Protein backbone atom coordinates (compact mmCIF):
# COMPACT_ATOMS: atom_id res chain seq x y z
CA MET A 1 -231.01 30.92 -142.43
CA PRO A 2 -229.85 27.29 -142.60
CA SER A 3 -231.78 25.00 -140.30
CA ARG A 4 -228.66 23.84 -138.50
CA LEU A 5 -228.15 27.37 -137.14
CA ARG A 6 -231.73 27.83 -135.96
CA LEU A 7 -232.43 27.32 -132.27
CA PRO A 8 -235.17 24.73 -131.73
CA ASP A 9 -237.93 26.71 -130.01
CA SER A 10 -239.44 23.62 -128.40
CA SER A 11 -236.24 22.73 -126.54
CA VAL A 12 -234.76 26.13 -125.68
CA SER A 13 -236.09 28.29 -122.87
CA PRO A 14 -235.10 31.98 -123.30
CA THR A 15 -234.93 32.38 -119.52
CA HIS A 16 -232.63 29.38 -119.12
CA LEU A 17 -230.59 30.56 -122.09
CA ALA A 18 -230.09 33.96 -120.46
CA ALA A 19 -229.17 32.30 -117.17
CA VAL A 20 -226.40 30.26 -118.79
CA VAL A 21 -224.93 33.31 -120.54
CA ALA A 22 -225.19 35.43 -117.37
CA GLY A 23 -223.54 32.68 -115.32
CA ALA A 24 -220.70 32.36 -117.82
CA LEU A 25 -220.13 36.12 -117.74
CA LEU A 26 -220.07 36.14 -113.93
CA ILE A 27 -217.49 33.34 -113.94
CA ALA A 28 -215.53 35.35 -116.52
CA LEU A 29 -214.98 37.87 -113.73
CA ALA A 30 -213.28 35.26 -111.53
CA PRO A 31 -209.73 35.57 -112.97
CA ILE A 32 -210.00 39.37 -112.89
CA LEU A 33 -211.13 39.38 -109.26
CA ALA A 34 -208.50 36.78 -108.33
CA VAL A 35 -205.69 38.96 -109.69
CA LEU A 36 -207.10 42.13 -108.10
CA SER A 37 -207.34 40.41 -104.70
CA THR A 38 -203.59 39.71 -104.72
CA ARG A 39 -202.39 43.12 -105.91
CA GLY A 40 -200.60 45.58 -103.66
CA GLU A 41 -199.33 45.27 -100.13
CA ASN A 42 -202.87 44.91 -98.77
CA GLY A 43 -203.78 41.92 -100.93
CA VAL A 44 -203.72 38.22 -100.09
CA GLY A 45 -201.70 35.39 -101.59
CA THR A 46 -202.64 33.43 -104.69
CA TRP A 47 -203.61 30.26 -102.84
CA ASP A 48 -205.30 32.34 -100.14
CA ALA A 49 -207.58 33.84 -102.80
CA ALA A 50 -208.38 30.33 -104.04
CA PHE A 51 -209.37 29.29 -100.51
CA TRP A 52 -211.54 32.33 -99.90
CA ARG A 53 -213.28 31.82 -103.22
CA VAL A 54 -214.41 28.31 -102.32
CA ALA A 55 -214.99 29.02 -98.62
CA LEU A 56 -217.20 32.07 -99.22
CA GLY A 57 -219.05 30.19 -101.96
CA THR A 58 -219.67 27.34 -99.52
CA LEU A 59 -220.99 29.83 -96.96
CA ALA A 60 -223.46 31.18 -99.51
CA LEU A 61 -224.61 27.64 -100.35
CA SER A 62 -225.08 26.90 -96.64
CA VAL A 63 -227.28 29.98 -96.23
CA LEU A 64 -229.33 28.95 -99.28
CA PHE A 65 -229.87 25.44 -97.92
CA ALA A 66 -230.79 26.88 -94.51
CA VAL A 67 -233.41 29.17 -96.07
CA GLN A 68 -234.79 26.23 -98.05
CA ARG A 69 -234.68 24.08 -94.89
CA ARG A 70 -232.95 21.47 -96.95
CA SER A 71 -230.98 18.68 -95.29
CA ILE A 72 -227.46 18.21 -96.64
CA VAL A 73 -226.19 15.75 -94.03
CA PRO A 74 -225.43 12.42 -95.74
CA ARG A 75 -227.57 9.48 -94.67
CA ARG A 76 -226.52 5.86 -94.41
CA GLU A 77 -228.22 4.97 -97.68
CA ASP A 78 -226.18 7.66 -99.46
CA PHE A 79 -223.11 5.45 -99.09
CA ARG A 80 -224.52 2.31 -100.66
CA SER A 81 -222.34 2.87 -103.73
CA GLY A 82 -219.29 3.95 -101.74
CA THR A 83 -217.89 7.22 -100.40
CA ALA A 84 -216.13 8.54 -103.52
CA TRP A 85 -219.00 10.96 -104.28
CA LEU A 86 -218.21 12.77 -101.04
CA TRP A 87 -214.50 13.43 -101.65
CA LEU A 88 -213.47 12.83 -105.29
CA PRO A 89 -215.17 15.89 -106.88
CA GLY A 90 -213.84 18.02 -104.02
CA LEU A 91 -210.25 16.88 -104.51
CA ALA A 92 -210.49 17.64 -108.23
CA PHE A 93 -212.11 21.00 -107.40
CA ALA A 94 -209.23 21.85 -105.04
CA GLY A 95 -206.63 20.91 -107.65
CA ASP A 96 -208.49 22.99 -110.21
CA PHE A 97 -208.43 26.18 -108.13
CA TRP A 98 -204.92 25.56 -106.78
CA ALA A 99 -203.39 25.29 -110.26
CA TRP A 100 -205.56 27.96 -111.90
CA HIS A 101 -204.95 30.66 -109.30
CA TRP A 102 -201.23 29.87 -109.29
CA SER A 103 -201.16 30.31 -113.06
CA PHE A 104 -202.24 33.95 -112.68
CA GLU A 105 -198.86 34.69 -111.07
CA ASN A 106 -197.03 33.55 -114.19
CA THR A 107 -199.12 34.01 -117.34
CA SER A 108 -201.83 36.25 -118.69
CA VAL A 109 -205.49 35.84 -117.84
CA ALA A 110 -206.23 35.32 -121.55
CA ASN A 111 -203.82 32.38 -121.86
CA SER A 112 -204.87 30.86 -118.56
CA SER A 113 -208.61 31.10 -119.26
CA LEU A 114 -208.42 29.66 -122.77
CA LEU A 115 -206.02 26.85 -121.90
CA CYS A 116 -207.99 25.71 -118.85
CA ASN A 117 -211.16 25.53 -120.96
CA THR A 118 -209.60 22.73 -123.01
CA ALA A 119 -210.96 20.44 -120.29
CA THR A 120 -213.68 19.39 -122.73
CA LEU A 121 -210.99 17.78 -124.90
CA PHE A 122 -209.70 15.71 -121.98
CA VAL A 123 -213.25 14.65 -121.10
CA ALA A 124 -213.85 13.50 -124.67
CA LEU A 125 -210.50 11.68 -124.75
CA TYR A 126 -211.43 9.80 -121.58
CA ALA A 127 -214.85 8.94 -123.02
CA TRP A 128 -213.18 7.59 -126.15
CA LEU A 129 -210.56 5.51 -124.33
CA VAL A 130 -212.67 4.23 -121.43
CA TRP A 131 -216.30 4.44 -122.50
CA LYS A 132 -215.50 3.62 -126.15
CA GLU A 133 -217.52 6.58 -127.39
CA ARG A 134 -217.06 7.42 -131.06
CA LEU A 135 -215.24 10.62 -131.96
CA THR A 136 -216.82 12.48 -134.87
CA ARG A 137 -214.84 14.10 -137.66
CA ALA A 138 -216.01 17.51 -136.49
CA PHE A 139 -214.64 16.85 -133.01
CA ILE A 140 -211.28 15.61 -134.34
CA ALA A 141 -210.95 18.65 -136.61
CA GLY A 142 -211.86 20.96 -133.75
CA ALA A 143 -209.44 19.26 -131.38
CA ILE A 144 -206.58 19.58 -133.89
CA LEU A 145 -207.37 23.28 -134.43
CA ALA A 146 -207.64 23.87 -130.68
CA ALA A 147 -204.28 22.13 -130.16
CA ALA A 148 -202.72 24.39 -132.79
CA GLY A 149 -204.21 27.39 -131.01
CA MET A 150 -202.83 26.15 -127.69
CA ALA A 151 -199.38 25.85 -129.26
CA LEU A 152 -199.61 29.45 -130.52
CA LEU A 153 -200.70 30.65 -127.08
CA VAL A 154 -197.68 28.99 -125.51
CA LEU A 155 -195.49 30.38 -128.30
CA SER A 156 -196.78 33.88 -127.55
CA SER A 157 -195.58 33.43 -123.96
CA THR A 158 -192.03 32.77 -125.17
CA GLN A 159 -192.02 35.84 -127.41
CA ARG A 160 -192.50 38.42 -124.65
CA GLU A 161 -192.10 38.98 -120.96
CA SER A 162 -194.92 37.79 -118.77
CA PRO A 163 -197.39 40.64 -118.09
CA VAL A 164 -197.43 39.62 -114.43
CA GLY A 165 -193.81 38.53 -113.94
CA GLY A 166 -192.87 34.97 -113.12
CA ASN A 167 -192.39 32.15 -115.61
CA PRO A 168 -194.97 32.31 -118.45
CA LEU A 169 -194.34 28.72 -119.57
CA LEU A 170 -194.97 27.53 -116.02
CA GLY A 171 -198.19 29.56 -116.00
CA ASP A 172 -199.37 28.00 -119.27
CA GLY A 173 -198.50 24.56 -117.94
CA LEU A 174 -200.50 25.22 -114.76
CA ALA A 175 -203.47 26.31 -116.88
CA LEU A 176 -203.33 23.01 -118.78
CA LEU A 177 -203.06 21.15 -115.46
CA THR A 178 -206.17 23.05 -114.40
CA ALA A 179 -207.94 21.64 -117.46
CA VAL A 180 -207.01 18.10 -116.39
CA PHE A 181 -208.32 18.67 -112.85
CA TYR A 182 -211.51 20.23 -114.18
CA ALA A 183 -212.03 17.30 -116.54
CA VAL A 184 -211.79 14.93 -113.55
CA TYR A 185 -214.28 17.14 -111.70
CA GLN A 186 -216.72 17.06 -114.63
CA LEU A 187 -216.42 13.30 -115.06
CA SER A 188 -216.89 12.63 -111.35
CA MET A 189 -219.92 14.92 -111.18
CA LYS A 190 -221.38 13.14 -114.21
CA ARG A 191 -220.73 9.77 -112.57
CA PHE A 192 -222.44 10.64 -109.28
CA ARG A 193 -225.20 12.92 -110.61
CA SER A 194 -227.56 9.97 -111.10
CA GLU A 195 -227.38 9.17 -107.37
CA HIS A 196 -227.07 12.61 -105.74
CA SER A 197 -228.46 16.06 -106.56
CA ALA A 198 -226.21 18.64 -108.20
CA PRO A 199 -226.49 21.22 -105.36
CA VAL A 200 -225.53 18.63 -102.75
CA LEU A 201 -222.58 17.43 -104.84
CA LEU A 202 -221.44 21.04 -105.36
CA PHE A 203 -221.76 21.77 -101.64
CA TRP A 204 -219.64 18.81 -100.53
CA ALA A 205 -217.15 19.40 -103.33
CA SER A 206 -216.76 22.96 -102.04
CA ILE A 207 -216.39 21.74 -98.45
CA VAL A 208 -213.65 19.26 -99.37
CA ALA A 209 -211.91 21.81 -101.59
CA SER A 210 -211.92 24.33 -98.72
CA VAL A 211 -210.38 21.80 -96.35
CA VAL A 212 -207.65 20.91 -98.87
CA LEU A 213 -206.88 24.52 -99.81
CA LEU A 214 -206.77 25.88 -96.25
CA PRO A 215 -203.36 24.44 -95.26
CA LEU A 216 -201.92 25.47 -98.64
CA ALA A 217 -203.14 29.01 -98.02
CA LEU A 218 -201.75 29.07 -94.48
CA ILE A 219 -198.25 27.95 -95.49
CA HIS A 220 -198.16 30.45 -98.35
CA GLU A 221 -195.83 33.31 -97.47
CA ALA A 222 -198.35 35.99 -98.48
CA ALA A 223 -201.07 37.34 -96.19
CA PHE A 224 -204.04 35.12 -95.41
CA PHE A 225 -206.38 38.00 -94.51
CA PRO A 226 -206.59 41.25 -96.52
CA LYS A 227 -204.95 44.16 -94.74
CA SER A 228 -207.69 46.61 -95.66
CA ALA A 229 -211.47 46.43 -95.80
CA LEU A 230 -211.41 47.46 -99.47
CA MET A 231 -209.43 44.34 -100.43
CA TRP A 232 -212.27 42.16 -99.17
CA LEU A 233 -214.37 43.32 -102.14
CA PRO A 234 -212.65 41.20 -104.83
CA LEU A 235 -212.68 38.18 -102.47
CA LEU A 236 -216.40 38.63 -101.81
CA GLY A 237 -216.89 38.95 -105.55
CA LEU A 238 -215.00 35.70 -106.10
CA GLY A 239 -217.01 33.77 -103.53
CA PHE A 240 -220.50 35.18 -103.93
CA VAL A 241 -220.66 36.62 -107.45
CA SER A 242 -218.50 34.21 -109.49
CA HIS A 243 -218.58 30.99 -107.48
CA PHE A 244 -222.09 31.04 -105.98
CA CYS A 245 -224.13 33.13 -108.43
CA GLY A 246 -222.19 32.14 -111.57
CA GLN A 247 -222.20 28.42 -110.87
CA GLY A 248 -225.78 28.60 -109.59
CA LEU A 249 -227.11 30.32 -112.72
CA ILE A 250 -225.34 27.83 -114.97
CA SER A 251 -226.54 24.83 -112.94
CA TRP A 252 -230.13 26.07 -113.16
CA GLY A 253 -230.04 27.37 -116.73
CA ILE A 254 -228.30 24.38 -118.31
CA ALA A 255 -231.36 22.25 -117.56
CA GLY A 256 -233.42 24.28 -120.03
CA VAL A 257 -231.12 24.22 -123.07
CA PRO A 258 -229.71 21.37 -125.17
CA ALA A 259 -226.40 20.09 -123.84
CA SER A 260 -224.49 20.94 -127.02
CA LEU A 261 -225.79 24.51 -127.05
CA GLY A 262 -225.05 24.93 -123.35
CA SER A 263 -221.44 23.79 -123.84
CA VAL A 264 -220.97 26.30 -126.65
CA LEU A 265 -222.48 29.13 -124.60
CA LEU A 266 -220.02 28.43 -121.78
CA LEU A 267 -217.19 29.41 -124.15
CA VAL A 268 -218.30 32.98 -123.42
CA GLN A 269 -216.30 32.68 -120.19
CA PRO A 270 -212.71 32.54 -121.53
CA VAL A 271 -213.45 35.16 -124.18
CA GLY A 272 -215.00 37.46 -121.57
CA SER A 273 -212.04 37.00 -119.22
CA ALA A 274 -209.52 37.75 -121.98
CA LEU A 275 -211.34 40.92 -123.06
CA LEU A 276 -211.89 42.20 -119.50
CA ALA A 277 -208.21 41.71 -118.64
CA VAL A 278 -207.17 44.30 -121.22
CA PRO A 279 -208.79 47.43 -119.68
CA ILE A 280 -208.96 46.28 -116.05
CA LEU A 281 -205.59 44.56 -115.59
CA GLY A 282 -203.70 46.19 -118.46
CA GLN A 283 -202.82 42.82 -120.02
CA ALA A 284 -202.73 43.75 -123.69
CA LEU A 285 -203.03 40.99 -126.30
CA VAL A 286 -200.11 40.48 -128.70
CA PRO A 287 -200.60 39.33 -132.34
CA TRP A 288 -199.54 35.67 -131.87
CA GLN A 289 -201.75 35.49 -128.80
CA ILE A 290 -204.77 36.82 -130.70
CA VAL A 291 -204.26 34.30 -133.52
CA GLY A 292 -203.78 31.45 -131.04
CA ALA A 293 -206.80 32.52 -129.00
CA ALA A 294 -208.98 32.65 -132.11
CA ALA A 295 -207.81 29.21 -133.27
CA CYS A 296 -208.31 27.74 -129.80
CA PHE A 297 -211.81 29.23 -129.49
CA VAL A 298 -212.94 28.07 -132.94
CA GLY A 299 -211.41 24.64 -132.34
CA LEU A 300 -213.20 24.26 -129.00
CA PHE A 301 -216.43 25.43 -130.63
CA LEU A 302 -216.15 22.76 -133.35
CA ALA A 303 -215.11 20.10 -130.84
CA VAL A 304 -218.03 20.83 -128.52
CA ARG A 305 -220.51 20.87 -131.39
CA GLY A 306 -219.14 17.63 -132.77
CA LYS A 307 -218.74 15.77 -129.47
C-alpha cells in the first residue's frame, strides 16, 4: 500500500477515529429527522423544527454542564477582546439552520446535504483572500470538480419535479446559502477558539441561535408544537441524537485525529443522508443527480486533502 494512504499510527487514535465517524453518521440523520418531524397534520413547521433542534440541544448541553458543575456564565475578563464571541457564531448558526431546514421543503435531502457541505470551499476562499493562504493545485482541482458536481446537482433539479414539492432551484439555492452561513460559523469558531473553550462557544452559539429562531418559528403558519406525542420523537432525535450527541462526538473525536483526515471523515455525513433518504423518505436518486453527487463528493475530498 502506498505510504500516502497509510494512517499514521502515532497520530491517530482508533477511539477518536470511531467517535468522528459515529458523530458524522448521527448528524447524517438530522435531515431525515427534520423532514419526518414536519410530515402529516401532526407535524411542526420547517422553522419550528429548526428551533426545537437547537433548543433541545442547548438543554442537553445545560444538563451536561450542570452534572460537571461547570460554570458557563461569562466573566468580565471574557470580554477583554470584545463581545463578538458571544453572538457572532450564534447568528451564523441560526442562519445555517434557518436556510437548511427551509431547503428541505423545496429540494431533496441528497442535494441539500451535498450542497451545504461545500462550506469548506468558502472557508478556503476566505483564507486565500483575507489570510493570504496559498491554494494548492489539489485544492483547485478539487474545487473545480466540486463546482461541476454542484452544477449537475442543480441541473438534476430542473430535469424533474421536486420530490417534496416547492421550488427545487430555491431549495438548492438555500442549501448553498447554508454553506455560506456554516463557513462563517466555522471561521468565527476558529477565531475565538484560542480564547474560549469549544463547549462554551457551542453552548452560547446554541443559545443565540435559539433566541433568533424562536420568533421565526412562532410567525410560521405551521404548528409550533407537535399535535401528537409520537411526533416528538423526530424532534427529540434532532436535538439530542444529532445536535448534542453528533456534535459532541465530533468535537471530542476530532482532537485525536489529524485535521485533514478528520475533514475527510466528516464527508460521511452528506453521503449517509443521501443514502438514508432513499428508503426512509422515498427520495430516489436520478442519474444526473448520482453523477453530480459523485463529482461533488470526489471534488470535496480532493479539496479537503489539498487544503
